[in-house]
Each structure stands twice: as C-alpha cells, then as structure tokens.
PDB file of all heavy atoms in Angstrom:
ATOM      1  N   GLY A   1      27.366 -69.155  15.678  1.00  0.00           N
ATOM      2  CA  GLY A   1      26.310 -69.395  16.647  1.00  0.00           C
ATOM      3  C   GLY A   1      26.843 -69.801  18.026  1.00  0.00           C
ATOM      4  O   GLY A   1      26.333 -70.738  18.633  1.00  0.00           O
ATOM      5  N   ILE A   2      27.816 -69.056  18.504  1.00  0.00           N
ATOM      6  CA  ILE A   2      28.430 -69.422  19.813  1.00  0.00           C
ATOM      7  C   ILE A   2      27.502 -69.328  20.997  1.00  0.00           C
ATOM      8  O   ILE A   2      27.611 -70.070  21.956  1.00  0.00           O
ATOM      9  CB  ILE A   2      29.713 -68.602  20.047  1.00  0.00           C
ATOM     10  CG1 ILE A   2      29.409 -67.098  20.118  1.00  0.00           C
ATOM     11  CG2 ILE A   2      30.775 -68.866  18.977  1.00  0.00           C
ATOM     12  CD1 ILE A   2      30.601 -66.233  20.513  1.00  0.00           C
ATOM     13  N   ILE A   3      26.522 -68.386  20.892  1.00  0.00           N
ATOM     14  CA  ILE A   3      25.557 -68.261  22.011  1.00  0.00           C
ATOM     15  C   ILE A   3      24.708 -69.520  22.096  1.00  0.00           C
ATOM     16  O   ILE A   3      24.544 -70.123  23.178  1.00  0.00           O
ATOM     17  CB  ILE A   3      24.672 -66.998  21.819  1.00  0.00           C
ATOM     18  CG1 ILE A   3      25.522 -65.736  21.764  1.00  0.00           C
ATOM     19  CG2 ILE A   3      23.630 -66.928  22.914  1.00  0.00           C
ATOM     20  CD1 ILE A   3      26.276 -65.436  23.021  1.00  0.00           C
ATOM     21  N   ASP A   4      24.126 -69.923  20.980  1.00  0.00           N
ATOM     22  CA  ASP A   4      23.280 -71.123  20.980  1.00  0.00           C
ATOM     23  C   ASP A   4      24.083 -72.379  21.355  1.00  0.00           C
ATOM     24  O   ASP A   4      23.548 -73.262  22.023  1.00  0.00           O
ATOM     25  CB  ASP A   4      22.644 -71.305  19.601  1.00  0.00           C
ATOM     26  CG  ASP A   4      21.569 -70.280  19.297  1.00  0.00           C
ATOM     27  OD1 ASP A   4      21.065 -69.650  20.266  1.00  0.00           O
ATOM     28  OD2 ASP A   4      21.234 -70.097  18.110  1.00  0.00           O
ATOM     29  N   TYR A   5      25.319 -72.427  20.956  1.00  0.00           N
ATOM     30  CA  TYR A   5      26.145 -73.566  21.318  1.00  0.00           C
ATOM     31  C   TYR A   5      26.324 -73.659  22.832  1.00  0.00           C
ATOM     32  O   TYR A   5      26.199 -74.745  23.434  1.00  0.00           O
ATOM     33  CB  TYR A   5      27.504 -73.532  20.605  1.00  0.00           C
ATOM     34  CG  TYR A   5      28.393 -74.728  20.935  1.00  0.00           C
ATOM     35  CD1 TYR A   5      28.164 -75.941  20.268  1.00  0.00           C
ATOM     36  CD2 TYR A   5      29.383 -74.640  21.838  1.00  0.00           C
ATOM     37  CE1 TYR A   5      28.955 -77.053  20.551  1.00  0.00           C
ATOM     38  CE2 TYR A   5      30.194 -75.744  22.134  1.00  0.00           C
ATOM     39  CZ  TYR A   5      29.955 -76.935  21.485  1.00  0.00           C
ATOM     40  OH  TYR A   5      30.732 -78.058  21.791  1.00  0.00           O
ATOM     41  N   ALA A   6      26.642 -72.512  23.437  1.00  0.00           N
ATOM     42  CA  ALA A   6      26.810 -72.497  24.894  1.00  0.00           C
ATOM     43  C   ALA A   6      25.531 -72.946  25.595  1.00  0.00           C
ATOM     44  O   ALA A   6      25.567 -73.759  26.503  1.00  0.00           O
ATOM     45  CB  ALA A   6      27.213 -71.115  25.358  1.00  0.00           C
ATOM     46  N   ILE A   7      24.400 -72.409  25.168  1.00  0.00           N
ATOM     47  CA  ILE A   7      23.132 -72.756  25.765  1.00  0.00           C
ATOM     48  C   ILE A   7      22.837 -74.243  25.604  1.00  0.00           C
ATOM     49  O   ILE A   7      22.351 -74.905  26.552  1.00  0.00           O
ATOM     50  CB  ILE A   7      21.993 -71.904  25.157  1.00  0.00           C
ATOM     51  CG1 ILE A   7      22.217 -70.422  25.533  1.00  0.00           C
ATOM     52  CG2 ILE A   7      20.621 -72.396  25.637  1.00  0.00           C
ATOM     53  CD1 ILE A   7      21.292 -69.469  24.792  1.00  0.00           C
ATOM     54  N   SER A   8      23.188 -74.801  24.437  1.00  0.00           N
ATOM     55  CA  SER A   8      22.959 -76.232  24.196  1.00  0.00           C
ATOM     56  C   SER A   8      23.789 -77.103  25.118  1.00  0.00           C
ATOM     57  O   SER A   8      23.433 -78.263  25.399  1.00  0.00           O
ATOM     58  CB  SER A   8      23.259 -76.585  22.750  1.00  0.00           C
ATOM     59  OG  SER A   8      24.684 -76.606  22.495  1.00  0.00           O
ATOM     60  N   LYS A   9      24.922 -76.574  25.607  1.00  0.00           N
ATOM     61  CA  LYS A   9      25.781 -77.277  26.520  1.00  0.00           C
ATOM     62  C   LYS A   9      25.440 -77.032  28.012  1.00  0.00           C
ATOM     63  O   LYS A   9      26.151 -77.505  28.904  1.00  0.00           O
ATOM     64  CB  LYS A   9      27.254 -76.908  26.281  1.00  0.00           C
ATOM     65  CG  LYS A   9      27.794 -77.378  24.937  1.00  0.00           C
ATOM     66  CD  LYS A   9      28.002 -78.887  24.934  1.00  0.00           C
ATOM     67  CE  LYS A   9      28.638 -79.327  23.637  1.00  0.00           C
ATOM     68  NZ  LYS A   9      28.928 -80.816  23.710  1.00  0.00           N
ATOM     69  N   GLY A  10      24.404 -76.258  28.244  1.00  0.00           N
ATOM     70  CA  GLY A  10      23.994 -75.950  29.601  1.00  0.00           C
ATOM     71  C   GLY A  10      24.841 -74.869  30.243  1.00  0.00           C
ATOM     72  O   GLY A  10      24.841 -74.705  31.472  1.00  0.00           O
ATOM     73  N   ILE A  11      25.560 -74.112  29.454  1.00  0.00           N
ATOM     74  CA  ILE A  11      26.438 -73.041  29.947  1.00  0.00           C
ATOM     75  C   ILE A  11      25.777 -71.697  29.692  1.00  0.00           C
ATOM     76  O   ILE A  11      25.258 -71.430  28.590  1.00  0.00           O
ATOM     77  CB  ILE A  11      27.822 -73.063  29.262  1.00  0.00           C
ATOM     78  CG1 ILE A  11      28.461 -74.421  29.526  1.00  0.00           C
ATOM     79  CG2 ILE A  11      28.697 -71.948  29.794  1.00  0.00           C
ATOM     80  CD1 ILE A  11      28.687 -74.781  30.983  1.00  0.00           C
ATOM     81  N   LYS A  12      25.781 -70.808  30.666  1.00  0.00           N
ATOM     82  CA  LYS A  12      25.187 -69.501  30.545  1.00  0.00           C
ATOM     83  C   LYS A  12      26.190 -68.504  29.982  1.00  0.00           C
ATOM     84  O   LYS A  12      27.211 -68.249  30.600  1.00  0.00           O
ATOM     85  CB  LYS A  12      24.676 -69.030  31.912  1.00  0.00           C
ATOM     86  CG  LYS A  12      23.628 -69.938  32.494  1.00  0.00           C
ATOM     87  CD  LYS A  12      23.206 -69.488  33.891  1.00  0.00           C
ATOM     88  CE  LYS A  12      22.173 -70.440  34.470  1.00  0.00           C
ATOM     89  NZ  LYS A  12      21.741 -70.022  35.804  1.00  0.00           N
ATOM     90  N   PRO A  13      25.885 -67.956  28.793  1.00  0.00           N
ATOM     91  CA  PRO A  13      26.864 -67.054  28.167  1.00  0.00           C
ATOM     92  C   PRO A  13      26.769 -65.618  28.754  1.00  0.00           C
ATOM     93  O   PRO A  13      25.691 -65.101  29.028  1.00  0.00           O
ATOM     94  CB  PRO A  13      26.452 -67.068  26.708  1.00  0.00           C
ATOM     95  CG  PRO A  13      25.009 -67.417  26.711  1.00  0.00           C
ATOM     96  CD  PRO A  13      24.767 -68.278  27.899  1.00  0.00           C
ATOM     97  N   MET A  14      27.947 -64.999  28.881  1.00  0.00           N
ATOM     98  CA  MET A  14      28.067 -63.600  29.213  1.00  0.00           C
ATOM     99  C   MET A  14      28.893 -62.933  28.133  1.00  0.00           C
ATOM    100  O   MET A  14      29.766 -63.577  27.546  1.00  0.00           O
ATOM    101  CB  MET A  14      28.744 -63.437  30.568  1.00  0.00           C
ATOM    102  CG  MET A  14      28.026 -64.198  31.694  1.00  0.00           C
ATOM    103  SD  MET A  14      28.854 -64.042  33.310  1.00  0.00           S
ATOM    104  CE  MET A  14      28.464 -62.329  33.682  1.00  0.00           C
ATOM    105  N   VAL A  15      28.614 -61.659  27.830  1.00  0.00           N
ATOM    106  CA  VAL A  15      29.276 -61.033  26.689  1.00  0.00           C
ATOM    107  C   VAL A  15      29.829 -59.673  27.059  1.00  0.00           C
ATOM    108  O   VAL A  15      29.380 -59.017  28.030  1.00  0.00           O
ATOM    109  CB  VAL A  15      28.306 -60.866  25.512  1.00  0.00           C
ATOM    110  CG1 VAL A  15      27.831 -62.243  24.996  1.00  0.00           C
ATOM    111  CG2 VAL A  15      27.125 -59.968  25.850  1.00  0.00           C
ATOM    112  N   TRP A  16      30.847 -59.234  26.269  1.00  0.00           N
ATOM    113  CA  TRP A  16      31.524 -57.947  26.459  1.00  0.00           C
ATOM    114  C   TRP A  16      30.800 -56.843  25.712  1.00  0.00           C
ATOM    115  O   TRP A  16      30.192 -57.046  24.647  1.00  0.00           O
ATOM    116  CB  TRP A  16      32.934 -58.104  25.932  1.00  0.00           C
ATOM    117  CG  TRP A  16      33.814 -56.878  26.056  1.00  0.00           C
ATOM    118  CD1 TRP A  16      34.656 -56.554  27.076  1.00  0.00           C
ATOM    119  CD2 TRP A  16      33.985 -55.814  25.079  1.00  0.00           C
ATOM    120  NE1 TRP A  16      35.295 -55.379  26.829  1.00  0.00           N
ATOM    121  CE2 TRP A  16      34.902 -54.919  25.620  1.00  0.00           C
ATOM    122  CE3 TRP A  16      33.389 -55.574  23.849  1.00  0.00           C
ATOM    123  CZ2 TRP A  16      35.309 -53.750  24.925  1.00  0.00           C
ATOM    124  CZ3 TRP A  16      33.794 -54.414  23.153  1.00  0.00           C
ATOM    125  CH2 TRP A  16      34.721 -53.529  23.692  1.00  0.00           C
ATOM    126  N   GLY A  17      30.893 -55.600  26.222  1.00  0.00           N
ATOM    127  CA  GLY A  17      30.366 -54.450  25.517  1.00  0.00           C
ATOM    128  C   GLY A  17      31.153 -53.210  25.887  1.00  0.00           C
ATOM    129  O   GLY A  17      31.829 -53.150  26.928  1.00  0.00           O
ATOM    130  N   TYR A  18      31.070 -52.204  25.059  1.00  0.00           N
ATOM    131  CA  TYR A  18      31.792 -50.930  25.278  1.00  0.00           C
ATOM    132  C   TYR A  18      30.870 -49.951  25.972  1.00  0.00           C
ATOM    133  O   TYR A  18      29.677 -49.845  25.655  1.00  0.00           O
ATOM    134  CB  TYR A  18      32.289 -50.346  23.958  1.00  0.00           C
ATOM    135  CG  TYR A  18      33.342 -49.284  24.099  1.00  0.00           C
ATOM    136  CD1 TYR A  18      34.677 -49.636  24.204  1.00  0.00           C
ATOM    137  CD2 TYR A  18      33.011 -47.949  24.210  1.00  0.00           C
ATOM    138  CE1 TYR A  18      35.672 -48.657  24.351  1.00  0.00           C
ATOM    139  CE2 TYR A  18      33.967 -46.946  24.364  1.00  0.00           C
ATOM    140  CZ  TYR A  18      35.310 -47.322  24.435  1.00  0.00           C
ATOM    141  OH  TYR A  18      36.275 -46.354  24.599  1.00  0.00           O
ATOM    142  N   SER A  19      31.384 -49.204  26.945  1.00  0.00           N
ATOM    143  CA  SER A  19      30.569 -48.353  27.815  1.00  0.00           C
ATOM    144  C   SER A  19      29.701 -47.351  27.040  1.00  0.00           C
ATOM    145  O   SER A  19      28.532 -47.146  27.404  1.00  0.00           O
ATOM    146  CB  SER A  19      31.475 -47.599  28.796  1.00  0.00           C
ATOM    147  OG  SER A  19      32.433 -46.815  28.096  1.00  0.00           O
ATOM    148  N   SER A  20      30.250 -46.749  26.000  1.00  0.00           N
ATOM    149  CA  SER A  20      29.488 -45.694  25.298  1.00  0.00           C
ATOM    150  C   SER A  20      28.211 -46.250  24.686  1.00  0.00           C
ATOM    151  O   SER A  20      27.266 -45.517  24.461  1.00  0.00           O
ATOM    152  CB  SER A  20      30.377 -45.050  24.234  1.00  0.00           C
ATOM    153  OG  SER A  20      30.832 -45.992  23.283  1.00  0.00           O
ATOM    154  N   ALA A  21      28.191 -47.565  24.377  1.00  0.00           N
ATOM    155  CA  ALA A  21      26.991 -48.167  23.825  1.00  0.00           C
ATOM    156  C   ALA A  21      25.910 -48.378  24.872  1.00  0.00           C
ATOM    157  O   ALA A  21      24.755 -48.685  24.527  1.00  0.00           O
ATOM    158  CB  ALA A  21      27.332 -49.515  23.161  1.00  0.00           C
ATOM    159  N   TYR A  22      26.249 -48.216  26.132  1.00  0.00           N
ATOM    160  CA  TYR A  22      25.301 -48.413  27.216  1.00  0.00           C
ATOM    161  C   TYR A  22      25.065 -47.145  28.018  1.00  0.00           C
ATOM    162  O   TYR A  22      24.500 -47.193  29.101  1.00  0.00           O
ATOM    163  CB  TYR A  22      25.797 -49.515  28.150  1.00  0.00           C
ATOM    164  CG  TYR A  22      25.842 -50.886  27.491  1.00  0.00           C
ATOM    165  CD1 TYR A  22      26.926 -51.301  26.769  1.00  0.00           C
ATOM    166  CD2 TYR A  22      24.741 -51.734  27.598  1.00  0.00           C
ATOM    167  CE1 TYR A  22      26.964 -52.547  26.150  1.00  0.00           C
ATOM    168  CE2 TYR A  22      24.759 -52.970  27.004  1.00  0.00           C
ATOM    169  CZ  TYR A  22      25.876 -53.362  26.249  1.00  0.00           C
ATOM    170  OH  TYR A  22      25.884 -54.618  25.652  1.00  0.00           O
ATOM    171  N   PHE A  23      25.472 -45.980  27.486  1.00  0.00           N
ATOM    172  CA  PHE A  23      25.362 -44.742  28.239  1.00  0.00           C
ATOM    173  C   PHE A  23      23.994 -44.077  28.016  1.00  0.00           C
ATOM    174  O   PHE A  23      23.385 -43.590  28.973  1.00  0.00           O
ATOM    175  CB  PHE A  23      26.496 -43.803  27.844  1.00  0.00           C
ATOM    176  CG  PHE A  23      26.694 -42.682  28.809  1.00  0.00           C
ATOM    177  CD1 PHE A  23      27.316 -42.917  30.031  1.00  0.00           C
ATOM    178  CD2 PHE A  23      26.239 -41.387  28.547  1.00  0.00           C
ATOM    179  CE1 PHE A  23      27.517 -41.882  30.972  1.00  0.00           C
ATOM    180  CE2 PHE A  23      26.436 -40.362  29.450  1.00  0.00           C
ATOM    181  CZ  PHE A  23      27.066 -40.606  30.681  1.00  0.00           C
ATOM    182  N   ASP A  24      23.534 -44.075  26.809  1.00  0.00           N
ATOM    183  CA  ASP A  24      22.213 -43.489  26.521  1.00  0.00           C
ATOM    184  C   ASP A  24      21.125 -44.430  26.994  1.00  0.00           C
ATOM    185  O   ASP A  24      21.138 -45.652  26.751  1.00  0.00           O
ATOM    186  CB  ASP A  24      22.043 -43.289  24.983  1.00  0.00           C
ATOM    187  CG  ASP A  24      20.682 -42.759  24.625  1.00  0.00           C
ATOM    188  OD1 ASP A  24      20.426 -41.584  24.803  1.00  0.00           O
ATOM    189  OD2 ASP A  24      19.847 -43.619  24.176  1.00  0.00           O
ATOM    190  N   SER A  25      20.150 -43.884  27.687  1.00  0.00           N
ATOM    191  CA  SER A  25      19.099 -44.693  28.359  1.00  0.00           C
ATOM    192  C   SER A  25      18.332 -45.580  27.381  1.00  0.00           C
ATOM    193  O   SER A  25      18.165 -46.787  27.613  1.00  0.00           O
ATOM    194  CB  SER A  25      18.131 -43.774  29.109  1.00  0.00           C
ATOM    195  OG  SER A  25      17.080 -44.509  29.676  1.00  0.00           O
ATOM    196  N   GLU A  26      17.819 -44.981  26.313  1.00  0.00           N
ATOM    197  CA  GLU A  26      16.989 -45.779  25.369  1.00  0.00           C
ATOM    198  C   GLU A  26      17.794 -46.831  24.647  1.00  0.00           C
ATOM    199  O   GLU A  26      17.351 -47.949  24.451  1.00  0.00           O
ATOM    200  CB  GLU A  26      16.299 -44.828  24.378  1.00  0.00           C
ATOM    201  CG  GLU A  26      15.282 -43.910  25.028  1.00  0.00           C
ATOM    202  CD  GLU A  26      14.251 -44.693  25.858  1.00  0.00           C
ATOM    203  OE1 GLU A  26      13.703 -45.679  25.344  1.00  0.00           O
ATOM    204  OE2 GLU A  26      14.009 -44.283  26.995  1.00  0.00           O
ATOM    205  N   GLU A  27      19.000 -46.450  24.208  1.00  0.00           N
ATOM    206  CA  GLU A  27      19.867 -47.413  23.528  1.00  0.00           C
ATOM    207  C   GLU A  27      20.254 -48.562  24.473  1.00  0.00           C
ATOM    208  O   GLU A  27      20.321 -49.728  24.059  1.00  0.00           O
ATOM    209  CB  GLU A  27      21.137 -46.731  22.994  1.00  0.00           C
ATOM    210  CG  GLU A  27      20.917 -45.815  21.817  1.00  0.00           C
ATOM    211  CD  GLU A  27      20.388 -46.575  20.624  1.00  0.00           C
ATOM    212  OE1 GLU A  27      20.907 -47.675  20.313  1.00  0.00           O
ATOM    213  OE2 GLU A  27      19.442 -46.095  19.981  1.00  0.00           O
ATOM    214  N   ARG A  28      20.507 -48.241  25.737  1.00  0.00           N
ATOM    215  CA  ARG A  28      20.883 -49.251  26.709  1.00  0.00           C
ATOM    216  C   ARG A  28      19.736 -50.245  26.920  1.00  0.00           C
ATOM    217  O   ARG A  28      19.930 -51.467  26.896  1.00  0.00           O
ATOM    218  CB  ARG A  28      21.205 -48.577  28.043  1.00  0.00           C
ATOM    219  CG  ARG A  28      21.530 -49.566  29.153  1.00  0.00           C
ATOM    220  CD  ARG A  28      22.019 -48.828  30.385  1.00  0.00           C
ATOM    221  NE  ARG A  28      21.058 -47.911  30.940  1.00  0.00           N
ATOM    222  CZ  ARG A  28      21.238 -46.606  31.029  1.00  0.00           C
ATOM    223  NH1 ARG A  28      22.338 -46.041  30.597  1.00  0.00           N
ATOM    224  NH2 ARG A  28      20.291 -45.833  31.535  1.00  0.00           N
ATOM    225  N   LYS A  29      18.533 -49.755  27.124  1.00  0.00           N
ATOM    226  CA  LYS A  29      17.391 -50.630  27.363  1.00  0.00           C
ATOM    227  C   LYS A  29      17.134 -51.532  26.156  1.00  0.00           C
ATOM    228  O   LYS A  29      16.839 -52.717  26.291  1.00  0.00           O
ATOM    229  CB  LYS A  29      16.145 -49.806  27.668  1.00  0.00           C
ATOM    230  CG  LYS A  29      16.217 -49.097  28.999  1.00  0.00           C
ATOM    231  CD  LYS A  29      15.028 -48.135  29.204  1.00  0.00           C
ATOM    232  CE  LYS A  29      15.146 -47.424  30.511  1.00  0.00           C
ATOM    233  NZ  LYS A  29      14.060 -46.424  30.708  1.00  0.00           N
ATOM    234  N   LYS A  30      17.263 -50.938  24.958  1.00  0.00           N
ATOM    235  CA  LYS A  30      17.087 -51.723  23.735  1.00  0.00           C
ATOM    236  C   LYS A  30      18.136 -52.815  23.623  1.00  0.00           C
ATOM    237  O   LYS A  30      17.799 -53.976  23.300  1.00  0.00           O
ATOM    238  CB  LYS A  30      17.173 -50.795  22.520  1.00  0.00           C
ATOM    239  CG  LYS A  30      17.026 -51.476  21.152  1.00  0.00           C
ATOM    240  CD  LYS A  30      17.193 -50.483  20.033  1.00  0.00           C
ATOM    241  CE  LYS A  30      17.153 -51.186  18.677  1.00  0.00           C
ATOM    242  NZ  LYS A  30      17.366 -50.217  17.561  1.00  0.00           N
ATOM    243  N   ARG A  31      19.385 -52.475  23.943  1.00  0.00           N
ATOM    244  CA  ARG A  31      20.472 -53.466  23.847  1.00  0.00           C
ATOM    245  C   ARG A  31      20.301 -54.577  24.870  1.00  0.00           C
ATOM    246  O   ARG A  31      20.489 -55.733  24.555  1.00  0.00           O
ATOM    247  CB  ARG A  31      21.817 -52.724  24.042  1.00  0.00           C
ATOM    248  CG  ARG A  31      23.031 -53.624  23.869  1.00  0.00           C
ATOM    249  CD  ARG A  31      23.082 -54.221  22.494  1.00  0.00           C
ATOM    250  NE  ARG A  31      24.321 -54.932  22.241  1.00  0.00           N
ATOM    251  CZ  ARG A  31      24.466 -55.937  21.379  1.00  0.00           C
ATOM    252  NH1 ARG A  31      23.416 -56.341  20.670  1.00  0.00           N
ATOM    253  NH2 ARG A  31      25.646 -56.512  21.207  1.00  0.00           N
ATOM    254  N   PHE A  32      19.955 -54.207  26.100  1.00  0.00           N
ATOM    255  CA  PHE A  32      19.751 -55.238  27.127  1.00  0.00           C
ATOM    256  C   PHE A  32      18.674 -56.198  26.706  1.00  0.00           C
ATOM    257  O   PHE A  32      18.768 -57.433  26.918  1.00  0.00           O
ATOM    258  CB  PHE A  32      19.426 -54.591  28.459  1.00  0.00           C
ATOM    259  CG  PHE A  32      20.616 -54.055  29.207  1.00  0.00           C
ATOM    260  CD1 PHE A  32      20.419 -53.048  30.177  1.00  0.00           C
ATOM    261  CD2 PHE A  32      21.875 -54.489  28.943  1.00  0.00           C
ATOM    262  CE1 PHE A  32      21.507 -52.557  30.847  1.00  0.00           C
ATOM    263  CE2 PHE A  32      22.980 -53.974  29.630  1.00  0.00           C
ATOM    264  CZ  PHE A  32      22.806 -53.023  30.610  1.00  0.00           C
ATOM    265  N   LYS A  33      17.585 -55.697  26.137  1.00  0.00           N
ATOM    266  CA  LYS A  33      16.486 -56.605  25.712  1.00  0.00           C
ATOM    267  C   LYS A  33      16.937 -57.536  24.599  1.00  0.00           C
ATOM    268  O   LYS A  33      16.642 -58.747  24.616  1.00  0.00           O
ATOM    269  CB  LYS A  33      15.298 -55.784  25.254  1.00  0.00           C
ATOM    270  CG  LYS A  33      14.051 -56.643  24.971  1.00  0.00           C
ATOM    271  CD  LYS A  33      12.835 -55.840  24.617  1.00  0.00           C
ATOM    272  CE  LYS A  33      11.599 -56.751  24.591  1.00  0.00           C
ATOM    273  NZ  LYS A  33      11.768 -58.007  23.834  1.00  0.00           N
ATOM    274  N   GLU A  34      17.717 -57.019  23.659  1.00  0.00           N
ATOM    275  CA  GLU A  34      18.262 -57.848  22.596  1.00  0.00           C
ATOM    276  C   GLU A  34      19.120 -58.985  23.143  1.00  0.00           C
ATOM    277  O   GLU A  34      19.005 -60.141  22.726  1.00  0.00           O
ATOM    278  CB  GLU A  34      19.085 -57.000  21.608  1.00  0.00           C
ATOM    279  CG  GLU A  34      18.259 -56.025  20.777  1.00  0.00           C
ATOM    280  CD  GLU A  34      19.140 -55.077  19.982  1.00  0.00           C
ATOM    281  OE1 GLU A  34      20.379 -55.051  20.191  1.00  0.00           O
ATOM    282  OE2 GLU A  34      18.587 -54.328  19.144  1.00  0.00           O
ATOM    283  N   LEU A  35      20.010 -58.621  24.087  1.00  0.00           N
ATOM    284  CA  LEU A  35      20.893 -59.625  24.658  1.00  0.00           C
ATOM    285  C   LEU A  35      20.093 -60.686  25.429  1.00  0.00           C
ATOM    286  O   LEU A  35      20.366 -61.897  25.281  1.00  0.00           O
ATOM    287  CB  LEU A  35      21.916 -58.944  25.610  1.00  0.00           C
ATOM    288  CG  LEU A  35      22.908 -57.995  24.948  1.00  0.00           C
ATOM    289  CD1 LEU A  35      23.790 -57.346  26.028  1.00  0.00           C
ATOM    290  CD2 LEU A  35      23.748 -58.673  23.888  1.00  0.00           C
TER     291      LEU A  35
END
C-alpha cells in the first residue's frame, strides 16, 4: 500500500509507466482515470 502511505504522509505520489501502455487512446484514458 505504498500509494496510501504516501498520501497519509502528505506526499503526492508519482508513478512510472511504459510508453506502449499509453499509446492507444482508450487504454490511455482508462489508465489515467485508474491512477
């Protein structure tokens, strides 16, 4: 639960991703909403 831990400490988390997972329009929009 590293995301929740960061938020509990008042720190804004940023995360890594691979380009091909963000190339397709629909998949990208879905992934951004999840994040």
